[in-house]
Protein backbone atom coordinates (compact mmCIF):
# COMPACT_ATOMS: atom_id res chain seq x y z
CA UNK A 1 114.41 72.52 122.57
CA UNK A 2 117.25 74.59 121.23
CA UNK A 3 120.92 75.33 121.70
CA UNK A 4 121.06 78.79 123.24
CA UNK A 5 124.29 80.40 122.16
CA UNK A 6 123.81 83.84 123.65
CA UNK A 7 120.80 85.71 125.02
CA UNK A 8 120.67 89.01 126.89
CA UNK A 9 117.90 91.07 128.45
CA UNK A 10 118.24 94.83 128.76
CA UNK A 11 116.09 96.93 131.08
CA UNK A 12 113.09 98.50 129.38
CA UNK A 13 112.92 102.27 129.14
CA UNK A 14 109.60 103.86 128.29
CA UNK A 15 109.10 106.93 126.08
CA UNK A 16 112.48 106.74 124.36
CA UNK A 17 112.94 107.10 120.61
CA UNK A 18 114.47 103.63 120.27
CA UNK A 19 115.44 101.13 122.92
CA UNK A 20 116.92 97.62 122.81
CA UNK A 21 114.94 95.23 125.01
CA UNK A 22 116.82 92.02 124.35
CA UNK A 23 119.01 90.33 121.76
CA UNK A 24 120.58 86.96 121.16
CA UNK A 25 121.47 84.14 118.82
CA UNK A 26 119.93 80.66 118.90
CA UNK A 27 120.59 77.37 117.13
CA UNK A 28 117.31 75.45 117.31
CA UNK A 29 116.90 71.71 117.47
CA UNK A 30 114.55 69.98 114.97
CA UNK A 31 110.90 71.02 115.36
CA UNK A 32 111.63 73.50 118.16
CA UNK A 33 108.75 75.97 118.27
CA UNK A 34 107.42 79.03 120.05
CA UNK A 35 103.77 80.08 120.31
CA UNK A 36 101.11 80.79 119.49
CA UNK A 37 101.77 83.79 121.68
CA UNK A 38 102.00 87.58 121.83
CA UNK A 39 104.96 89.90 122.37
CA UNK A 40 104.74 93.43 123.80
CA UNK A 41 107.51 94.83 121.58
CA UNK A 42 109.01 94.43 118.10
CA UNK A 43 111.37 91.55 117.35
CA UNK A 44 113.38 91.03 114.17
CA UNK A 45 114.86 87.60 113.44
CA UNK A 46 117.64 87.05 110.88
CA UNK A 47 117.89 83.45 109.67
CA UNK A 48 121.58 82.59 109.43
CA UNK A 49 121.25 78.96 108.37
CA UNK A 50 118.65 76.22 108.08
CA UNK A 51 114.90 76.51 107.56
CA UNK A 52 111.67 76.99 109.46
CA UNK A 53 108.22 78.54 109.29
CA UNK A 54 106.61 81.66 110.74
CA UNK A 55 102.85 82.09 111.17
CA UNK A 56 101.00 85.39 111.65
CA UNK A 57 97.40 86.36 110.84
CA UNK A 58 96.69 82.74 110.03
CA UNK A 59 99.25 82.71 107.20
CA UNK A 60 102.33 80.49 107.35
CA UNK A 61 105.58 81.57 105.68
CA UNK A 62 108.25 78.97 104.91
CA UNK A 63 111.62 80.64 105.39
CA UNK A 64 115.31 79.87 105.00
CA UNK A 65 118.78 81.34 105.40
CA UNK A 66 119.03 84.84 103.95
CA UNK A 67 115.53 85.77 105.05
CA UNK A 68 114.13 87.41 108.15
CA UNK A 69 110.81 88.11 109.82
CA UNK A 70 109.28 90.82 111.98
CA UNK A 71 107.08 90.22 115.02
CA UNK A 72 104.87 93.19 115.89
CA UNK A 73 103.59 93.88 119.41
CA UNK A 74 100.15 92.54 120.19
CA UNK A 75 100.02 90.12 117.25
CA UNK A 76 99.48 86.39 117.76
CA UNK A 77 102.40 84.57 116.14
CA UNK A 78 104.18 81.24 116.18
CA UNK A 79 107.36 79.92 114.59
CA UNK A 80 108.94 76.52 114.25
CA UNK A 81 112.28 75.07 113.16
CA UNK A 82 112.43 72.60 110.28
CA UNK A 83 112.51 68.90 111.22
CA UNK A 84 115.54 68.18 109.01
CA UNK A 85 117.42 71.47 108.66
CA UNK A 86 116.47 73.47 111.77
CA UNK A 87 117.30 77.12 111.62
CA UNK A 88 119.86 79.19 113.44
CA UNK A 89 118.92 82.82 113.88
CA UNK A 90 119.98 85.99 115.60
CA UNK A 91 117.40 88.46 116.82
CA UNK A 92 116.79 91.78 118.52
CA UNK A 93 113.75 92.91 120.48
CA UNK A 94 113.12 96.65 120.67
CA UNK A 95 110.55 99.38 121.02
CA UNK A 96 110.40 103.16 121.12
CA UNK A 97 108.53 106.16 119.78
CA UNK A 98 110.28 105.94 116.40
CA UNK A 99 110.20 102.15 115.99
CA UNK A 100 107.05 101.93 113.88
CA UNK A 101 108.09 104.87 111.71
CA UNK A 102 111.50 103.37 110.95
CA UNK A 103 110.03 99.94 110.18
CA UNK A 104 107.54 101.61 107.85
CA UNK A 105 110.46 103.14 105.93
CA UNK A 106 111.78 99.61 105.47
CA UNK A 107 108.36 98.50 104.20
CA UNK A 108 107.87 96.16 107.16
CA UNK A 109 104.62 95.78 109.11
CA UNK A 110 102.28 93.10 110.43
CA UNK A 111 100.95 92.77 106.86
CA UNK A 112 104.44 92.60 105.33
CA UNK A 113 106.66 90.92 107.94
CA UNK A 114 109.02 88.96 105.66
CA UNK A 115 112.20 90.23 104.01
CA UNK A 116 115.38 88.99 102.35
CA UNK A 117 118.93 90.16 102.94
CA UNK A 118 122.47 89.54 101.65
CA UNK A 119 125.81 89.18 103.40
CA UNK A 120 126.90 92.50 101.91
CA UNK A 121 124.11 94.24 103.84
CA UNK A 122 126.05 93.59 107.09
CA UNK A 123 122.87 93.00 109.09
CA UNK A 124 124.21 89.92 110.86
CA UNK A 125 127.38 91.82 111.75
CA UNK A 126 125.31 94.62 113.30
CA UNK A 127 123.45 92.15 115.48
CA UNK A 128 126.69 90.43 116.46
CA UNK A 129 128.09 93.76 117.65
CA UNK A 130 124.90 94.37 119.62
CA UNK A 131 125.05 90.93 121.24
CA UNK A 132 128.73 91.44 122.12
CA UNK A 133 127.98 94.79 123.75
CA UNK A 134 124.97 93.40 125.64
CA UNK A 135 127.14 90.60 127.00
CA UNK A 136 129.97 92.84 128.14
CA UNK A 137 130.64 93.47 131.83
CA UNK A 138 129.23 96.99 131.65
CA UNK A 139 126.90 97.24 128.64
CA UNK A 140 126.18 100.79 127.55
CA UNK A 141 122.57 101.76 126.81
CA UNK A 142 123.88 104.52 124.56
CA UNK A 143 126.07 102.10 122.62
CA UNK A 144 123.22 99.60 122.26
CA UNK A 145 120.87 102.30 120.99
CA UNK A 146 123.50 103.41 118.49
CA UNK A 147 124.00 99.85 117.26
CA UNK A 148 120.23 99.41 116.94
CA UNK A 149 120.04 102.58 114.84
CA UNK A 150 122.88 101.23 112.70
CA UNK A 151 121.14 97.89 112.26
CA UNK A 152 117.81 99.47 111.31
CA UNK A 153 119.51 101.96 108.97
CA UNK A 154 121.18 99.07 107.16
CA UNK A 155 117.87 97.22 107.04
CA UNK A 156 116.08 100.23 105.54
CA UNK A 157 118.87 100.69 102.98
CA UNK A 158 118.80 96.98 102.14
CA UNK A 159 115.04 96.81 101.61
CA UNK A 160 114.68 100.16 99.84
CA UNK A 161 117.27 99.04 97.28
CA UNK A 162 115.34 95.88 96.43
CA UNK A 163 113.77 95.61 93.00
CA UNK A 164 109.98 95.92 93.16
CA UNK A 165 108.34 92.54 93.63
CA UNK A 166 104.84 91.37 92.76
CA UNK A 167 102.27 92.01 95.43
CA UNK A 168 104.32 94.65 97.20
CA UNK A 169 106.33 97.42 95.54
CA UNK A 170 105.08 96.67 92.04
CA UNK A 171 101.71 98.19 92.93
CA UNK A 172 101.36 101.48 91.08
CA UNK A 173 100.41 103.30 94.28
CA UNK A 174 103.91 102.56 95.58
CA UNK A 175 105.47 104.73 92.87
CA UNK A 176 103.05 107.57 93.53
CA UNK A 177 103.76 107.39 97.26
CA UNK A 178 107.54 107.44 96.69
CA UNK A 179 107.21 110.30 94.20
CA UNK A 180 105.20 112.38 96.67
CA UNK A 181 107.75 111.61 99.38
CA UNK A 182 110.55 112.71 97.04
CA UNK A 183 108.73 115.96 96.22
CA UNK A 184 108.18 116.70 99.91
CA UNK A 185 111.91 116.35 100.54
CA UNK A 186 113.20 118.28 97.52
CA UNK A 187 110.57 120.92 96.68
CA UNK A 188 112.83 123.74 97.89
CA UNK A 189 115.45 123.03 95.22
CA UNK A 190 115.59 122.22 91.51
CA UNK A 191 112.85 119.70 90.76
CA UNK A 192 111.52 118.24 87.53
CA UNK A 193 109.17 115.46 86.49
CA UNK A 194 112.04 113.82 84.60
CA UNK A 195 114.19 113.94 87.73
CA UNK A 196 111.48 112.22 89.76
CA UNK A 197 111.03 109.55 87.10
CA UNK A 198 114.79 108.92 87.02
CA UNK A 199 114.84 108.65 90.81
CA UNK A 200 112.09 106.00 90.66
CA UNK A 201 113.68 104.34 87.60
CA UNK A 202 110.46 104.49 85.61
CA UNK A 203 109.41 106.24 82.41
CA UNK A 204 108.23 109.85 82.70
CA UNK A 205 105.02 109.20 80.78
CA UNK A 206 104.25 106.23 83.05
CA UNK A 207 104.71 108.45 86.11
CA UNK A 208 102.28 110.98 84.65
CA UNK A 209 99.76 108.21 84.01
CA UNK A 210 100.04 107.01 87.61
CA UNK A 211 99.53 110.51 89.02
CA UNK A 212 96.50 111.04 86.82
CA UNK A 213 95.06 107.69 87.90
CA UNK A 214 95.65 108.04 91.63
CA UNK A 215 95.58 111.80 92.26
CA UNK A 216 93.67 113.20 89.30
CA UNK A 217 96.43 115.68 88.39
CA UNK A 218 99.79 115.60 86.62
CA UNK A 219 103.11 115.45 88.51
CA UNK A 220 103.85 119.02 87.43
CA UNK A 221 100.52 120.24 88.83
CA UNK A 222 101.20 118.41 92.08
CA UNK A 223 104.63 120.04 92.41
CA UNK A 224 103.19 123.51 91.81
CA UNK A 225 100.32 122.94 94.25
CA UNK A 226 102.69 121.66 96.91
CA UNK A 227 105.09 124.58 96.49
CA UNK A 228 102.30 127.16 96.56
CA UNK A 229 100.78 125.66 99.70
CA UNK A 230 104.19 125.81 101.38
CA UNK A 231 104.53 129.40 100.19
CA UNK A 232 101.21 130.24 101.83
CA UNK A 233 102.58 128.99 105.14
CA UNK A 234 105.79 131.00 104.77
CA UNK A 235 103.98 134.20 103.80
CA UNK A 236 102.57 134.26 107.31
CA UNK A 237 106.07 135.13 108.53
CA UNK A 238 106.57 138.90 108.02
CA UNK A 239 110.33 138.55 108.50
CA UNK A 240 110.62 136.76 105.14
CA UNK A 241 110.67 138.83 101.97
CA UNK A 242 108.76 137.66 98.90
CA UNK A 243 112.13 136.71 97.42
CA UNK A 244 112.96 134.67 100.51
CA UNK A 245 109.68 132.79 100.22
CA UNK A 246 110.23 132.22 96.50
CA UNK A 247 113.68 130.71 97.04
CA UNK A 248 112.40 128.61 99.94
CA UNK A 249 109.93 126.84 97.66
CA UNK A 250 112.25 126.32 94.71
CA UNK A 251 111.93 129.52 92.66
CA UNK A 252 115.10 131.50 91.99
CA UNK A 253 113.10 134.13 90.08
CA UNK A 254 110.70 136.02 92.41
CA UNK A 255 108.75 137.35 89.42
CA UNK A 256 108.09 133.85 88.10
CA UNK A 257 107.08 132.80 91.60
CA UNK A 258 104.67 135.73 91.96
CA UNK A 259 103.13 135.01 88.57
CA UNK A 260 102.61 131.33 89.42
CA UNK A 261 101.29 132.13 92.90
CA UNK A 262 98.70 134.58 91.59
CA UNK A 263 97.58 132.10 88.94
CA UNK A 264 97.10 129.37 91.56
CA UNK A 265 95.74 131.40 94.48
CA UNK A 266 94.04 134.32 92.75
CA UNK A 267 96.09 136.87 94.69
CA UNK A 268 99.63 138.18 94.49
CA UNK A 269 101.96 136.98 97.27
CA UNK A 270 102.07 140.45 98.84
CA UNK A 271 98.27 140.79 98.77
CA UNK A 272 97.90 137.29 100.22
CA UNK A 273 100.33 138.17 103.01
CA UNK A 274 98.44 141.36 103.83
CA UNK A 275 95.17 139.48 104.16
CA UNK A 276 96.77 136.81 106.35
CA UNK A 277 98.34 139.36 108.69
CA UNK A 278 95.10 141.36 108.91
CA UNK A 279 93.24 138.21 109.95
CA UNK A 280 95.86 137.47 112.59
CA UNK A 281 95.65 141.00 113.97
């Protein structure tokens, strides 16, 4: 049993980027449980007070206020309130074409469904706004979607700002993945190995060691390779000058770009472009 404070269902809409299915807040009685069972959409619970446990993939997690858990569609899960200090939680169920991608940015998945949050993260406030809107006389789908985006944006910001913890972000592959992601976003501007290391808050030499271990090349070599591959794509556009291509991949000096390109690809940019266009024709 439980004390149901508020609970709202919203009509499902298929093939949308992000859609609220339902949301609510519940104050459970001792030993209240749900499952084992399966949901057909994502659900995020925020534990406001009390304690309980959540089981997925045969593993039980003991949780308390300040923590939350993710239920993924199609996964068999169960959860139960503590017998002495039963939990109170708010939750939102959602789906959409971008749901998995956004949760991945937060580091959440069926393998990593647990997270911690702080009052300053304003996650509970976001859900409260969502619940208020859902319970209004004329709830707006657009408003609910906006509030869901706000909630997930705050969740991503909250979890990305966490210090690396053992068994998750401390894995060296995490730093390589984040470095590659950073390079992909910033390759068209000023970019240095030191800048990447500062962004990740790790030592430059350690970053180089990780790249060598996981990718077999240095960070500098990776940056050059990535920029030259992007340049190859851009050279297929005859409307762009060699200087335009150079600037688009982070080189202010076209001569330096041409020198680097020829060293990496064996052809000058102009010769490479000619061969590409001849093949197209």
